[in-house]
Amino acid sequence: MTQTRQRRCYEAGHRPKLLVIVDGTAECRRALYFAARRAKRNGARVTMLGISEPSEFANWFNVGNVMREEAEDQIHALLTEAAGPVRDITDSEPEQIVRTGSAAEEIRALVDTDEDIALLVLAAGAGGEGPGPLISAFVGRQSASFPVPLMVVPGHLTDEEIDALA
């Protein structure tokens, strides 16, 4: 495990970042909207993380390389699409990061190394399928040792309800 860095997000020369995982789901859009509204209100920055899970074909000659490139292209497209609404709300460019690996491990690695990340924003599923895999991973296994607060946005909230909260 990487050594967690001390948070410096409110020191001179730093700016707090609200981290959102971008995966194209409805829950992701709720988390992004909340983070953007909160960032605008608090003078923070939105950091969007797109994660490409490694392919089971990664070691099959050129197939793994092609699949990895296609997955990264999809992640970049998702980040580009997600950046527009965030930019419109915050009047600033969101930070876009792409990582390859296990989602929980890549999120933890980024938070451990970026001392300006002040909050991880996730949204719960609006249906009856449960809170979602990321929330389950962080609330279940990592919450006791996670270095920043975790904000869980209810997935059923409307823009107007989020506006009232953020």
C-alpha atoms as a PDB file:
ATOM      1  CA  MET A   1       0.000   0.000   0.000  1.00  0.00           C
ATOM      2  CA  THR A   2       1.201   3.476  -0.868  1.00  0.00           C
ATOM      3  CA  GLN A   3       1.911   5.850   1.982  1.00  0.00           C
ATOM      4  CA  THR A   4      -0.932   8.364   2.272  1.00  0.00           C
ATOM      5  CA  ARG A   5       0.147  11.964   1.898  1.00  0.00           C
ATOM      6  CA  GLN A   6      -0.991  14.628   4.295  1.00  0.00           C
ATOM      7  CA  ARG A   7      -3.861  16.669   2.815  1.00  0.00           C
ATOM      8  CA  ARG A   8      -2.710  20.137   1.789  1.00  0.00           C
ATOM      9  CA  CYS A   9      -5.798  21.236  -0.145  1.00  0.00           C
ATOM     10  CA  TYR A  10      -6.475  24.322   1.979  1.00  0.00           C
ATOM     11  CA  GLU A  11      -2.884  25.528   2.269  1.00  0.00           C
ATOM     12  CA  ALA A  12      -1.602  28.489   0.290  1.00  0.00           C
ATOM     13  CA  GLY A  13      -0.954  27.550  -3.327  1.00  0.00           C
ATOM     14  CA  HIS A  14      -3.347  24.602  -3.200  1.00  0.00           C
ATOM     15  CA  ARG A  15      -6.982  24.154  -4.135  1.00  0.00           C
ATOM     16  CA  PRO A  16      -9.268  21.387  -2.878  1.00  0.00           C
ATOM     17  CA  LYS A  17     -10.348  18.769  -5.404  1.00  0.00           C
ATOM     18  CA  LEU A  18     -13.568  16.788  -5.433  1.00  0.00           C
ATOM     19  CA  LEU A  19     -12.897  13.402  -7.023  1.00  0.00           C
ATOM     20  CA  VAL A  20     -15.604  11.720  -9.124  1.00  0.00           C
ATOM     21  CA  ILE A  21     -15.294   8.375 -10.883  1.00  0.00           C
ATOM     22  CA  VAL A  22     -16.560   8.675 -14.470  1.00  0.00           C
ATOM     23  CA  ASP A  23     -18.116   5.528 -15.889  1.00  0.00           C
ATOM     24  CA  GLY A  24     -21.074   6.781 -17.918  1.00  0.00           C
ATOM     25  CA  THR A  25     -23.762   5.552 -15.510  1.00  0.00           C
ATOM     26  CA  ALA A  26     -26.739   7.554 -14.285  1.00  0.00           C
ATOM     27  CA  GLU A  27     -25.186   7.445 -10.815  1.00  0.00           C
ATOM     28  CA  CYS A  28     -22.005   8.971 -12.192  1.00  0.00           C
ATOM     29  CA  ARG A  29     -23.999  11.873 -13.655  1.00  0.00           C
ATOM     30  CA  ARG A  30     -25.594  12.523 -10.237  1.00  0.00           C
ATOM     31  CA  ALA A  31     -22.188  12.471  -8.531  1.00  0.00           C
ATOM     32  CA  LEU A  32     -20.712  14.800 -11.172  1.00  0.00           C
ATOM     33  CA  TYR A  33     -23.577  17.251 -10.878  1.00  0.00           C
ATOM     34  CA  PHE A  34     -23.285  17.310  -7.085  1.00  0.00           C
ATOM     35  CA  ALA A  35     -19.496  17.701  -7.207  1.00  0.00           C
ATOM     36  CA  ALA A  36     -19.709  20.496  -9.774  1.00  0.00           C
ATOM     37  CA  ARG A  37     -22.297  22.422  -7.751  1.00  0.00           C
ATOM     38  CA  ARG A  38     -20.309  21.954  -4.547  1.00  0.00           C
ATOM     39  CA  ALA A  39     -17.031  22.916  -6.268  1.00  0.00           C
ATOM     40  CA  LYS A  40     -18.615  26.097  -7.619  1.00  0.00           C
ATOM     41  CA  ARG A  41     -19.900  27.046  -4.186  1.00  0.00           C
ATOM     42  CA  ASN A  42     -16.668  26.231  -2.329  1.00  0.00           C
ATOM     43  CA  GLY A  43     -14.050  27.301  -4.876  1.00  0.00           C
ATOM     44  CA  ALA A  44     -12.876  23.722  -5.345  1.00  0.00           C
ATOM     45  CA  ARG A  45     -11.931  21.875  -8.504  1.00  0.00           C
ATOM     46  CA  VAL A  46     -13.563  18.752  -9.931  1.00  0.00           C
ATOM     47  CA  THR A  47     -11.206  15.885 -10.727  1.00  0.00           C
ATOM     48  CA  MET A  48     -12.677  13.185 -12.952  1.00  0.00           C
ATOM     49  CA  LEU A  49     -11.099   9.738 -12.912  1.00  0.00           C
ATOM     50  CA  GLY A  50     -11.790   7.245 -15.686  1.00  0.00           C
ATOM     51  CA  ILE A  51     -10.639   3.703 -15.026  1.00  0.00           C
ATOM     52  CA  SER A  52     -10.013   1.060 -17.632  1.00  0.00           C
ATOM     53  CA  GLU A  53     -10.115  -2.441 -16.172  1.00  0.00           C
ATOM     54  CA  PRO A  54      -7.389  -4.722 -17.554  1.00  0.00           C
ATOM     55  CA  SER A  55      -8.559  -7.186 -20.190  1.00  0.00           C
ATOM     56  CA  GLU A  56      -8.362 -10.929 -19.697  1.00  0.00           C
ATOM     57  CA  PHE A  57      -6.711 -11.003 -23.135  1.00  0.00           C
ATOM     58  CA  ALA A  58      -3.931  -8.608 -22.106  1.00  0.00           C
ATOM     59  CA  ASN A  59      -1.202 -11.146 -22.824  1.00  0.00           C
ATOM     60  CA  TRP A  60      -2.486 -12.344 -26.210  1.00  0.00           C
ATOM     61  CA  PHE A  61       0.000 -10.715 -28.572  1.00  0.00           C
ATOM     62  CA  ASN A  62      -1.517  -7.650 -30.206  1.00  0.00           C
ATOM     63  CA  VAL A  63      -5.108  -8.367 -29.091  1.00  0.00           C
ATOM     64  CA  GLY A  64      -4.421  -7.056 -25.604  1.00  0.00           C
ATOM     65  CA  ASN A  65      -2.864  -3.855 -26.946  1.00  0.00           C
ATOM     66  CA  VAL A  66      -5.790  -3.192 -29.288  1.00  0.00           C
ATOM     67  CA  MET A  67      -8.329  -3.846 -26.525  1.00  0.00           C
ATOM     68  CA  ARG A  68      -6.425  -1.606 -24.116  1.00  0.00           C
ATOM     69  CA  GLU A  69      -6.299   1.229 -26.673  1.00  0.00           C
ATOM     70  CA  GLU A  70     -10.021   0.872 -27.408  1.00  0.00           C
ATOM     71  CA  ALA A  71     -10.857   0.911 -23.694  1.00  0.00           C
ATOM     72  CA  GLU A  72      -8.722   4.014 -23.144  1.00  0.00           C
ATOM     73  CA  ASP A  73     -10.377   5.723 -26.127  1.00  0.00           C
ATOM     74  CA  GLN A  74     -13.787   4.987 -24.573  1.00  0.00           C
ATOM     75  CA  ILE A  75     -12.663   6.365 -21.216  1.00  0.00           C
ATOM     76  CA  HIS A  76     -11.314   9.538 -22.870  1.00  0.00           C
ATOM     77  CA  ALA A  77     -14.637   9.947 -24.713  1.00  0.00           C
ATOM     78  CA  LEU A  78     -16.578   9.558 -21.442  1.00  0.00           C
ATOM     79  CA  LEU A  79     -14.352  12.114 -19.728  1.00  0.00           C
ATOM     80  CA  THR A  80     -14.680  14.579 -22.599  1.00  0.00           C
ATOM     81  CA  GLU A  81     -18.468  14.231 -22.566  1.00  0.00           C
ATOM     82  CA  ALA A  82     -18.631  14.582 -18.782  1.00  0.00           C
ATOM     83  CA  ALA A  83     -16.364  17.642 -18.767  1.00  0.00           C
ATOM     84  CA  GLY A  84     -18.894  19.817 -20.626  1.00  0.00           C
ATOM     85  CA  PRO A  85     -21.580  20.014 -17.929  1.00  0.00           C
ATOM     86  CA  VAL A  86     -18.948  20.347 -15.193  1.00  0.00           C
ATOM     87  CA  ARG A  87     -17.292  23.207 -17.103  1.00  0.00           C
ATOM     88  CA  ASP A  88     -20.688  24.889 -17.595  1.00  0.00           C
ATOM     89  CA  ILE A  89     -21.435  24.782 -13.870  1.00  0.00           C
ATOM     90  CA  THR A  90     -18.013  25.601 -12.452  1.00  0.00           C
ATOM     91  CA  ASP A  91     -16.702  27.964 -15.148  1.00  0.00           C
ATOM     92  CA  SER A  92     -13.417  26.024 -15.004  1.00  0.00           C
ATOM     93  CA  GLU A  93     -11.859  23.040 -16.693  1.00  0.00           C
ATOM     94  CA  PRO A  94     -12.161  19.809 -14.699  1.00  0.00           C
ATOM     95  CA  GLU A  95      -9.041  17.724 -14.280  1.00  0.00           C
ATOM     96  CA  GLN A  96      -9.242  14.488 -16.297  1.00  0.00           C
ATOM     97  CA  ILE A  97      -7.232  11.424 -15.303  1.00  0.00           C
ATOM     98  CA  VAL A  98      -7.180   7.966 -16.913  1.00  0.00           C
ATOM     99  CA  ARG A  99      -5.864   4.924 -15.074  1.00  0.00           C
ATOM    100  CA  THR A 100      -5.775   1.219 -15.905  1.00  0.00           C
ATOM    101  CA  GLY A 101      -6.329  -1.346 -13.184  1.00  0.00           C
ATOM    102  CA  SER A 102      -8.757  -2.360 -10.477  1.00  0.00           C
ATOM    103  CA  ALA A 103     -11.152   0.507  -9.733  1.00  0.00           C
ATOM    104  CA  ALA A 104     -10.751   0.376  -5.951  1.00  0.00           C
ATOM    105  CA  GLU A 105      -6.966   0.150  -6.197  1.00  0.00           C
ATOM    106  CA  GLU A 106      -6.654   2.984  -8.724  1.00  0.00           C
ATOM    107  CA  ILE A 107      -8.920   5.281  -6.717  1.00  0.00           C
ATOM    108  CA  ARG A 108      -6.937   4.598  -3.561  1.00  0.00           C
ATOM    109  CA  ALA A 109      -3.606   5.115  -5.360  1.00  0.00           C
ATOM    110  CA  LEU A 110      -4.724   8.481  -6.746  1.00  0.00           C
ATOM    111  CA  VAL A 111      -6.050   9.701  -3.395  1.00  0.00           C
ATOM    112  CA  ASP A 112      -2.877   8.522  -1.665  1.00  0.00           C
ATOM    113  CA  THR A 113      -0.646  10.509  -4.023  1.00  0.00           C
ATOM    114  CA  ASP A 114      -2.685  13.675  -4.660  1.00  0.00           C
ATOM    115  CA  GLU A 115      -2.624  15.760  -1.493  1.00  0.00           C
ATOM    116  CA  ASP A 116      -5.254  18.174  -2.849  1.00  0.00           C
ATOM    117  CA  ILE A 117      -8.084  15.636  -3.069  1.00  0.00           C
ATOM    118  CA  ALA A 118     -10.424  16.601  -0.250  1.00  0.00           C
ATOM    119  CA  LEU A 119     -13.473  14.427  -0.969  1.00  0.00           C
ATOM    120  CA  LEU A 120     -14.497  11.370  -2.989  1.00  0.00           C
ATOM    121  CA  VAL A 121     -18.000  11.842  -4.392  1.00  0.00           C
ATOM    122  CA  LEU A 122     -19.988   8.754  -5.409  1.00  0.00           C
ATOM    123  CA  ALA A 123     -23.696   8.317  -6.071  1.00  0.00           C
ATOM    124  CA  ALA A 124     -25.810   5.402  -4.939  1.00  0.00           C
ATOM    125  CA  GLY A 125     -27.953   3.497  -7.387  1.00  0.00           C
ATOM    126  CA  ALA A 126     -31.518   4.757  -7.642  1.00  0.00           C
ATOM    127  CA  GLY A 127     -33.001   1.296  -8.208  1.00  0.00           C
ATOM    128  CA  GLY A 128     -33.313  -1.692  -5.959  1.00  0.00           C
ATOM    129  CA  GLU A 129     -30.025  -3.285  -7.037  1.00  0.00           C
ATOM    130  CA  GLY A 130     -28.120  -1.929  -4.051  1.00  0.00           C
ATOM    131  CA  PRO A 131     -25.742   0.979  -3.610  1.00  0.00           C
ATOM    132  CA  GLY A 132     -23.360   0.007  -6.416  1.00  0.00           C
ATOM    133  CA  PRO A 133     -19.988  -1.733  -6.521  1.00  0.00           C
ATOM    134  CA  LEU A 134     -17.797   1.280  -5.740  1.00  0.00           C
ATOM    135  CA  ILE A 135     -19.809   2.264  -2.693  1.00  0.00           C
ATOM    136  CA  SER A 136     -19.818  -1.340  -1.515  1.00  0.00           C
ATOM    137  CA  ALA A 137     -16.035  -1.508  -1.925  1.00  0.00           C
ATOM    138  CA  PHE A 138     -15.349   1.685  -0.014  1.00  0.00           C
ATOM    139  CA  VAL A 139     -17.950   1.450   2.700  1.00  0.00           C
ATOM    140  CA  GLY A 140     -17.287  -2.212   3.313  1.00  0.00           C
ATOM    141  CA  ARG A 141     -13.546  -2.750   3.090  1.00  0.00           C
ATOM    142  CA  GLN A 142     -11.776   0.582   2.934  1.00  0.00           C
ATOM    143  CA  SER A 143     -13.826   3.089   4.897  1.00  0.00           C
ATOM    144  CA  ALA A 144     -11.847   2.737   8.120  1.00  0.00           C
ATOM    145  CA  SER A 145      -8.539   3.514   6.439  1.00  0.00           C
ATOM    146  CA  PHE A 146      -9.617   5.750   3.557  1.00  0.00           C
ATOM    147  CA  PRO A 147      -7.728   9.072   3.803  1.00  0.00           C
ATOM    148  CA  VAL A 148     -10.535  11.459   2.726  1.00  0.00           C
ATOM    149  CA  PRO A 149     -14.255  11.675   3.421  1.00  0.00           C
ATOM    150  CA  LEU A 150     -16.601   9.768   1.144  1.00  0.00           C
ATOM    151  CA  MET A 151     -19.739  11.609   0.025  1.00  0.00           C
ATOM    152  CA  VAL A 152     -22.558   9.343  -1.151  1.00  0.00           C
ATOM    153  CA  VAL A 153     -25.178  11.194  -3.184  1.00  0.00           C
ATOM    154  CA  PRO A 154     -28.576   9.462  -3.352  1.00  0.00           C
ATOM    155  CA  GLY A 155     -29.041   8.496  -6.996  1.00  0.00           C
ATOM    156  CA  HIS A 156     -32.707   9.519  -7.104  1.00  0.00           C
ATOM    157  CA  LEU A 157     -32.095  13.202  -6.350  1.00  0.00           C
ATOM    158  CA  THR A 158     -33.106  15.678  -9.049  1.00  0.00           C
ATOM    159  CA  ASP A 159     -30.979  18.623 -10.157  1.00  0.00           C
ATOM    160  CA  GLU A 160     -33.184  20.923  -8.089  1.00  0.00           C
ATOM    161  CA  GLU A 161     -32.772  18.786  -4.974  1.00  0.00           C
ATOM    162  CA  ILE A 162     -29.004  18.687  -5.463  1.00  0.00           C
ATOM    163  CA  ASP A 163     -28.954  22.468  -6.019  1.00  0.00           C
ATOM    164  CA  ALA A 164     -30.612  22.903  -2.613  1.00  0.00           C
ATOM    165  CA  LEU A 165     -27.980  20.687  -0.957  1.00  0.00           C
ATOM    166  CA  ALA A 166     -24.814  21.707  -2.737  1.00  0.00           C
END
